[in-house]
């Protein structure tokens, strides 16, 4: 059996176990405590979640997969916090190791980075849960405001800067598409999640076009 088939088999089994595990608290409350929502309430809650996060269910696996790889995707999506924890770890690990995403070596490095970030984040979260409630109130309001509102933005900005040298034209075109889609969505009033979807798809298309143009010009020059 090939490596990819083994990863998919183990990953699917792990995902199924995780899904069952997520329903265990609900099953306990329903069986032993007699507490369970009605079917209409479940649909209502699911509808709110789908309206809020439905776009990300599609665009995040597509946009993160080249960096995560197969093994990293299974482990990353089970543990969560892919965008703000796993992606910075993968980007830095691949940069230090010198392996590109999309290669077998890059997938191996990303898997190691994902697992390492899980252990690191678990340790840090445990420490901050214990002492955070006592420390955070002592921080200035401007610091807590910045941590709450700009941490994730800063992480994505750092990732963008690290990926920028790979293709300056493609990166700049992606930013332009993202800004245009954001303002168009803001003007038209359609769901804001569509700006992310348009930005991701538009960025992919721009990078493909830039790659083909540069590749073609390179062949002509050769």
C-alpha atoms as a PDB file:
ATOM      1  CA  UNK A   1       0.000   0.000   0.000  1.00  0.00           C
ATOM      2  CA  UNK A   2       1.355   3.441  -0.971  1.00  0.00           C
ATOM      3  CA  UNK A   3       2.098   6.209   1.513  1.00  0.00           C
ATOM      4  CA  UNK A   4      -0.848   8.337   0.352  1.00  0.00           C
ATOM      5  CA  UNK A   5      -3.296   5.443   0.692  1.00  0.00           C
ATOM      6  CA  UNK A   6      -2.044   4.703   4.213  1.00  0.00           C
ATOM      7  CA  UNK A   7      -2.381   8.371   5.179  1.00  0.00           C
ATOM      8  CA  UNK A   8      -5.937   8.526   3.804  1.00  0.00           C
ATOM      9  CA  UNK A   9      -6.960   5.309   5.567  1.00  0.00           C
ATOM     10  CA  UNK A  10      -5.548   6.370   8.926  1.00  0.00           C
ATOM     11  CA  UNK A  11      -6.838   9.921   8.455  1.00  0.00           C
ATOM     12  CA  UNK A  12     -10.393   8.827   7.643  1.00  0.00           C
ATOM     13  CA  UNK A  13     -10.456   6.511  10.665  1.00  0.00           C
ATOM     14  CA  UNK A  14      -9.140   9.319  12.861  1.00  0.00           C
ATOM     15  CA  UNK A  15     -11.731  11.769  11.549  1.00  0.00           C
ATOM     16  CA  UNK A  16     -14.562   9.303  12.176  1.00  0.00           C
ATOM     17  CA  UNK A  17     -13.327   8.693  15.729  1.00  0.00           C
ATOM     18  CA  UNK A  18     -13.135  12.458  16.292  1.00  0.00           C
ATOM     19  CA  UNK A  19     -16.686  12.937  14.975  1.00  0.00           C
ATOM     20  CA  UNK A  20     -18.005  10.231  17.304  1.00  0.00           C
ATOM     21  CA  UNK A  21     -16.033  11.766  20.182  1.00  0.00           C
ATOM     22  CA  UNK A  22     -17.594  15.176  19.548  1.00  0.00           C
ATOM     23  CA  UNK A  23     -21.057  13.693  19.987  1.00  0.00           C
ATOM     24  CA  UNK A  24     -20.223  11.824  23.206  1.00  0.00           C
ATOM     25  CA  UNK A  25     -21.081  14.729  25.583  1.00  0.00           C
ATOM     26  CA  UNK A  26     -24.376  15.239  23.743  1.00  0.00           C
ATOM     27  CA  UNK A  27     -25.139  11.516  23.903  1.00  0.00           C
ATOM     28  CA  UNK A  28     -24.369  11.486  27.635  1.00  0.00           C
ATOM     29  CA  UNK A  29     -26.727  14.397  28.321  1.00  0.00           C
ATOM     30  CA  UNK A  30     -29.463  12.830  26.198  1.00  0.00           C
ATOM     31  CA  UNK A  31     -29.200   9.300  27.608  1.00  0.00           C
ATOM     32  CA  UNK A  32     -28.415   9.888  31.260  1.00  0.00           C
ATOM     33  CA  UNK A  33     -29.816  13.369  31.907  1.00  0.00           C
ATOM     34  CA  UNK A  34     -32.728  13.419  29.485  1.00  0.00           C
ATOM     35  CA  UNK A  35     -31.574  16.706  27.956  1.00  0.00           C
ATOM     36  CA  UNK A  36     -31.756  16.915  24.184  1.00  0.00           C
ATOM     37  CA  UNK A  37     -32.801  19.641  21.716  1.00  0.00           C
ATOM     38  CA  UNK A  38     -35.609  19.074  19.263  1.00  0.00           C
ATOM     39  CA  UNK A  39     -34.872  18.434  15.596  1.00  0.00           C
ATOM     40  CA  UNK A  40     -36.055  21.919  14.653  1.00  0.00           C
ATOM     41  CA  UNK A  41     -33.719  23.453  17.232  1.00  0.00           C
ATOM     42  CA  UNK A  42     -30.801  21.438  15.845  1.00  0.00           C
ATOM     43  CA  UNK A  43     -31.586  22.650  12.321  1.00  0.00           C
ATOM     44  CA  UNK A  44     -31.879  26.227  13.547  1.00  0.00           C
ATOM     45  CA  UNK A  45     -28.498  26.092  15.288  1.00  0.00           C
ATOM     46  CA  UNK A  46     -26.900  24.396  12.289  1.00  0.00           C
ATOM     47  CA  UNK A  47     -28.367  27.067  10.003  1.00  0.00           C
ATOM     48  CA  UNK A  48     -26.802  29.841  12.105  1.00  0.00           C
ATOM     49  CA  UNK A  49     -23.447  28.043  12.059  1.00  0.00           C
ATOM     50  CA  UNK A  50     -23.660  27.440   8.294  1.00  0.00           C
ATOM     51  CA  UNK A  51     -24.544  31.066   7.600  1.00  0.00           C
ATOM     52  CA  UNK A  52     -21.635  32.248   9.739  1.00  0.00           C
ATOM     53  CA  UNK A  53     -18.918  29.724   8.887  1.00  0.00           C
ATOM     54  CA  UNK A  54     -20.216  27.919   5.793  1.00  0.00           C
ATOM     55  CA  UNK A  55     -17.938  29.774   3.395  1.00  0.00           C
ATOM     56  CA  UNK A  56     -14.874  28.842   5.441  1.00  0.00           C
ATOM     57  CA  UNK A  57     -15.841  25.147   5.265  1.00  0.00           C
ATOM     58  CA  UNK A  58     -15.124  25.355   1.533  1.00  0.00           C
ATOM     59  CA  UNK A  59     -12.341  27.892   1.111  1.00  0.00           C
ATOM     60  CA  UNK A  60     -10.104  26.983   4.057  1.00  0.00           C
ATOM     61  CA  UNK A  61      -9.480  23.327   3.110  1.00  0.00           C
ATOM     62  CA  UNK A  62      -8.831  24.397  -0.495  1.00  0.00           C
ATOM     63  CA  UNK A  63      -6.529  27.311   0.328  1.00  0.00           C
ATOM     64  CA  UNK A  64      -4.607  25.570   3.140  1.00  0.00           C
ATOM     65  CA  UNK A  65      -4.159  22.126   1.555  1.00  0.00           C
ATOM     66  CA  UNK A  66      -1.038  22.950  -0.530  1.00  0.00           C
ATOM     67  CA  UNK A  67       0.803  23.857   2.679  1.00  0.00           C
ATOM     68  CA  UNK A  68      -0.763  21.246   4.966  1.00  0.00           C
ATOM     69  CA  UNK A  69      -0.498  18.219   2.709  1.00  0.00           C
ATOM     70  CA  UNK A  70      -2.539  15.063   3.307  1.00  0.00           C
ATOM     71  CA  UNK A  71      -1.281  14.114   6.776  1.00  0.00           C
ATOM     72  CA  UNK A  72      -1.188  17.710   7.978  1.00  0.00           C
ATOM     73  CA  UNK A  73      -4.767  18.253   6.820  1.00  0.00           C
ATOM     74  CA  UNK A  74      -6.138  15.326   8.796  1.00  0.00           C
ATOM     75  CA  UNK A  75      -4.225  16.191  11.963  1.00  0.00           C
ATOM     76  CA  UNK A  76      -4.716  19.930  11.575  1.00  0.00           C
ATOM     77  CA  UNK A  77      -8.470  19.910  11.059  1.00  0.00           C
ATOM     78  CA  UNK A  78      -9.004  17.490  13.935  1.00  0.00           C
ATOM     79  CA  UNK A  79      -7.040  19.684  16.351  1.00  0.00           C
ATOM     80  CA  UNK A  80      -8.324  23.007  14.941  1.00  0.00           C
ATOM     81  CA  UNK A  81      -6.819  26.524  14.815  1.00  0.00           C
ATOM     82  CA  UNK A  82      -5.329  25.824  11.381  1.00  0.00           C
ATOM     83  CA  UNK A  83      -5.119  29.416  10.179  1.00  0.00           C
ATOM     84  CA  UNK A  84      -3.755  31.067  13.313  1.00  0.00           C
ATOM     85  CA  UNK A  85      -1.574  28.230  14.681  1.00  0.00           C
ATOM     86  CA  UNK A  86      -0.760  25.582  12.078  1.00  0.00           C
ATOM     87  CA  UNK A  87      -0.088  27.761   9.011  1.00  0.00           C
ATOM     88  CA  UNK A  88       2.555  30.026  10.652  1.00  0.00           C
ATOM     89  CA  UNK A  89       4.300  26.916  12.014  1.00  0.00           C
ATOM     90  CA  UNK A  90       4.282  25.220   8.603  1.00  0.00           C
ATOM     91  CA  UNK A  91       5.508  28.318   6.781  1.00  0.00           C
ATOM     92  CA  UNK A  92       8.419  28.832   9.170  1.00  0.00           C
ATOM     93  CA  UNK A  93       9.342  25.124   9.220  1.00  0.00           C
ATOM     94  CA  UNK A  94       9.409  24.893   5.420  1.00  0.00           C
ATOM     95  CA  UNK A  95      11.396  28.121   5.165  1.00  0.00           C
ATOM     96  CA  UNK A  96      14.038  26.909   7.633  1.00  0.00           C
ATOM     97  CA  UNK A  97      14.253  23.415   6.127  1.00  0.00           C
ATOM     98  CA  UNK A  98      14.392  24.746   2.562  1.00  0.00           C
ATOM     99  CA  UNK A  99      11.657  22.441   1.240  1.00  0.00           C
ATOM    100  CA  UNK A 100       8.799  23.791  -0.868  1.00  0.00           C
ATOM    101  CA  UNK A 101       5.130  23.073  -0.275  1.00  0.00           C
ATOM    102  CA  UNK A 102       3.586  20.590  -2.675  1.00  0.00           C
ATOM    103  CA  UNK A 103       6.618  18.277  -2.569  1.00  0.00           C
ATOM    104  CA  UNK A 104       6.905  15.015  -0.633  1.00  0.00           C
ATOM    105  CA  UNK A 105       9.592  16.555   1.571  1.00  0.00           C
ATOM    106  CA  UNK A 106       7.474  19.646   2.129  1.00  0.00           C
ATOM    107  CA  UNK A 107       4.483  17.520   3.152  1.00  0.00           C
ATOM    108  CA  UNK A 108       6.664  15.655   5.645  1.00  0.00           C
ATOM    109  CA  UNK A 109       7.944  18.916   7.126  1.00  0.00           C
ATOM    110  CA  UNK A 110       4.396  20.308   7.336  1.00  0.00           C
ATOM    111  CA  UNK A 111       3.220  17.190   9.189  1.00  0.00           C
ATOM    112  CA  UNK A 112       6.032  17.552  11.722  1.00  0.00           C
ATOM    113  CA  UNK A 113       5.277  21.274  12.100  1.00  0.00           C
ATOM    114  CA  UNK A 114       1.558  20.616  12.677  1.00  0.00           C
ATOM    115  CA  UNK A 115       2.231  18.012  15.370  1.00  0.00           C
ATOM    116  CA  UNK A 116       4.841  20.254  17.028  1.00  0.00           C
ATOM    117  CA  UNK A 117       2.423  23.197  17.021  1.00  0.00           C
ATOM    118  CA  UNK A 118      -0.228  21.045  18.702  1.00  0.00           C
ATOM    119  CA  UNK A 119       2.079  20.161  21.598  1.00  0.00           C
ATOM    120  CA  UNK A 120       3.302  23.757  21.841  1.00  0.00           C
ATOM    121  CA  UNK A 121      -0.159  25.315  21.726  1.00  0.00           C
ATOM    122  CA  UNK A 122      -1.483  22.789  24.253  1.00  0.00           C
ATOM    123  CA  UNK A 123       1.294  23.709  26.667  1.00  0.00           C
ATOM    124  CA  UNK A 124       0.904  27.453  26.126  1.00  0.00           C
ATOM    125  CA  UNK A 125      -2.896  27.355  26.363  1.00  0.00           C
ATOM    126  CA  UNK A 126      -2.697  25.325  29.586  1.00  0.00           C
ATOM    127  CA  UNK A 127      -0.277  27.832  31.120  1.00  0.00           C
ATOM    128  CA  UNK A 128      -2.335  30.850  30.051  1.00  0.00           C
ATOM    129  CA  UNK A 129      -5.574  29.307  31.259  1.00  0.00           C
ATOM    130  CA  UNK A 130      -3.987  28.884  34.671  1.00  0.00           C
ATOM    131  CA  UNK A 131      -2.352  32.318  34.931  1.00  0.00           C
ATOM    132  CA  UNK A 132      -4.113  34.293  32.201  1.00  0.00           C
ATOM    133  CA  UNK A 133      -7.150  35.227  34.238  1.00  0.00           C
ATOM    134  CA  UNK A 134      -4.843  36.864  36.780  1.00  0.00           C
ATOM    135  CA  UNK A 135      -2.483  38.549  34.287  1.00  0.00           C
ATOM    136  CA  UNK A 136      -4.847  39.904  31.603  1.00  0.00           C
ATOM    137  CA  UNK A 137      -6.705  42.331  33.901  1.00  0.00           C
ATOM    138  CA  UNK A 138      -3.348  43.895  34.802  1.00  0.00           C
ATOM    139  CA  UNK A 139      -2.465  44.721  31.194  1.00  0.00           C
ATOM    140  CA  UNK A 140      -3.231  48.177  29.740  1.00  0.00           C
ATOM    141  CA  UNK A 141      -6.478  48.419  27.798  1.00  0.00           C
ATOM    142  CA  UNK A 142      -4.646  49.213  24.570  1.00  0.00           C
ATOM    143  CA  UNK A 143      -2.668  45.946  24.881  1.00  0.00           C
ATOM    144  CA  UNK A 144      -5.727  43.775  25.488  1.00  0.00           C
ATOM    145  CA  UNK A 145      -7.531  45.515  22.605  1.00  0.00           C
ATOM    146  CA  UNK A 146      -4.601  44.807  20.272  1.00  0.00           C
ATOM    147  CA  UNK A 147      -4.345  41.166  21.358  1.00  0.00           C
ATOM    148  CA  UNK A 148      -8.057  40.660  20.817  1.00  0.00           C
ATOM    149  CA  UNK A 149      -8.430  42.383  17.451  1.00  0.00           C
ATOM    150  CA  UNK A 150      -5.095  42.288  15.640  1.00  0.00           C
ATOM    151  CA  UNK A 151      -3.299  39.057  16.565  1.00  0.00           C
ATOM    152  CA  UNK A 152      -4.831  36.980  13.780  1.00  0.00           C
ATOM    153  CA  UNK A 153      -4.399  39.790  11.246  1.00  0.00           C
ATOM    154  CA  UNK A 154      -0.716  40.071  12.164  1.00  0.00           C
ATOM    155  CA  UNK A 155      -0.194  36.328  11.752  1.00  0.00           C
ATOM    156  CA  UNK A 156      -1.708  36.309   8.261  1.00  0.00           C
ATOM    157  CA  UNK A 157       0.327  39.406   7.347  1.00  0.00           C
ATOM    158  CA  UNK A 158       3.510  37.638   8.458  1.00  0.00           C
ATOM    159  CA  UNK A 159       2.623  34.590   6.353  1.00  0.00           C
ATOM    160  CA  UNK A 160       1.936  36.818   3.340  1.00  0.00           C
ATOM    161  CA  UNK A 161       5.298  38.568   3.687  1.00  0.00           C
ATOM    162  CA  UNK A 162       7.089  35.215   3.875  1.00  0.00           C
ATOM    163  CA  UNK A 163       5.307  33.912   0.770  1.00  0.00           C
ATOM    164  CA  UNK A 164       5.726  37.176  -1.173  1.00  0.00           C
ATOM    165  CA  UNK A 165       9.214  36.426  -2.607  1.00  0.00           C
ATOM    166  CA  UNK A 166       7.933  33.230  -4.248  1.00  0.00           C
ATOM    167  CA  UNK A 167       5.983  35.320  -6.772  1.00  0.00           C
ATOM    168  CA  UNK A 168       5.895  39.096  -6.442  1.00  0.00           C
ATOM    169  CA  UNK A 169       3.504  39.532  -9.359  1.00  0.00           C
ATOM    170  CA  UNK A 170       1.126  36.814  -8.180  1.00  0.00           C
ATOM    171  CA  UNK A 171       1.181  38.092  -4.586  1.00  0.00           C
ATOM    172  CA  UNK A 172       0.467  41.692  -5.590  1.00  0.00           C
ATOM    173  CA  UNK A 173      -2.295  40.593  -7.958  1.00  0.00           C
ATOM    174  CA  UNK A 174      -3.856  38.539  -5.155  1.00  0.00           C
ATOM    175  CA  UNK A 175      -3.905  41.544  -2.826  1.00  0.00           C
ATOM    176  CA  UNK A 176      -5.512  43.687  -5.529  1.00  0.00           C
ATOM    177  CA  UNK A 177      -8.196  41.050  -6.175  1.00  0.00           C
ATOM    178  CA  UNK A 178      -8.852  40.723  -2.431  1.00  0.00           C
ATOM    179  CA  UNK A 179      -9.248  44.497  -2.005  1.00  0.00           C
ATOM    180  CA  UNK A 180     -11.549  44.789  -5.018  1.00  0.00           C
ATOM    181  CA  UNK A 181     -13.723  41.861  -3.893  1.00  0.00           C
ATOM    182  CA  UNK A 182     -13.900  43.266  -0.357  1.00  0.00           C
ATOM    183  CA  UNK A 183     -15.114  46.681  -1.525  1.00  0.00           C
ATOM    184  CA  UNK A 184     -17.540  45.196  -4.050  1.00  0.00           C
ATOM    185  CA  UNK A 185     -19.090  42.982  -1.387  1.00  0.00           C
ATOM    186  CA  UNK A 186     -19.255  45.943   0.990  1.00  0.00           C
ATOM    187  CA  UNK A 187     -21.000  48.086  -1.631  1.00  0.00           C
ATOM    188  CA  UNK A 188     -23.463  45.428  -2.823  1.00  0.00           C
ATOM    189  CA  UNK A 189     -24.311  44.212   0.683  1.00  0.00           C
ATOM    190  CA  UNK A 190     -23.998  40.486  -0.079  1.00  0.00           C
ATOM    191  CA  UNK A 191     -22.679  38.186   2.691  1.00  0.00           C
ATOM    192  CA  UNK A 192     -19.165  39.191   3.706  1.00  0.00           C
ATOM    193  CA  UNK A 193     -17.908  35.625   3.453  1.00  0.00           C
ATOM    194  CA  UNK A 194     -18.148  35.912  -0.322  1.00  0.00           C
ATOM    195  CA  UNK A 195     -15.305  38.441  -0.306  1.00  0.00           C
ATOM    196  CA  UNK A 196     -13.022  35.768   1.162  1.00  0.00           C
ATOM    197  CA  UNK A 197     -14.202  33.210  -1.368  1.00  0.00           C
ATOM    198  CA  UNK A 198     -13.708  35.646  -4.273  1.00  0.00           C
ATOM    199  CA  UNK A 199     -10.311  36.630  -2.928  1.00  0.00           C
ATOM    200  CA  UNK A 200      -9.117  33.027  -2.670  1.00  0.00           C
ATOM    201  CA  UNK A 201     -10.441  31.956  -6.080  1.00  0.00           C
ATOM    202  CA  UNK A 202      -9.288  35.188  -7.726  1.00  0.00           C
ATOM    203  CA  UNK A 203      -5.840  34.847  -6.152  1.00  0.00           C
ATOM    204  CA  UNK A 204      -5.501  31.280  -7.412  1.00  0.00           C
ATOM    205  CA  UNK A 205      -6.509  32.337 -10.930  1.00  0.00           C
ATOM    206  CA  UNK A 206      -4.072  35.273 -10.883  1.00  0.00           C
ATOM    207  CA  UNK A 207      -1.195  33.087  -9.749  1.00  0.00           C
ATOM    208  CA  UNK A 208      -1.967  30.504 -12.440  1.00  0.00           C
ATOM    209  CA  UNK A 209      -2.027  33.230 -15.109  1.00  0.00           C
ATOM    210  CA  UNK A 210       1.228  34.759 -13.840  1.00  0.00           C
ATOM    211  CA  UNK A 211       2.892  31.339 -13.749  1.00  0.00           C
ATOM    212  CA  UNK A 212       1.835  30.530 -17.317  1.00  0.00           C
ATOM    213  CA  UNK A 213       2.988  33.920 -18.622  1.00  0.00           C
ATOM    214  CA  UNK A 214       6.370  33.661 -16.889  1.00  0.00           C
ATOM    215  CA  UNK A 215       6.781  30.025 -17.947  1.00  0.00           C
ATOM    216  CA  UNK A 216       5.919  30.862 -21.550  1.00  0.00           C
ATOM    217  CA  UNK A 217       8.278  33.837 -21.637  1.00  0.00           C
ATOM    218  CA  UNK A 218      11.005  31.661 -20.156  1.00  0.00           C
ATOM    219  CA  UNK A 219      10.540  29.095 -22.907  1.00  0.00           C
ATOM    220  CA  UNK A 220      10.673  31.801 -25.565  1.00  0.00           C
ATOM    221  CA  UNK A 221      13.808  33.288 -24.019  1.00  0.00           C
ATOM    222  CA  UNK A 222      15.399  29.853 -23.848  1.00  0.00           C
END
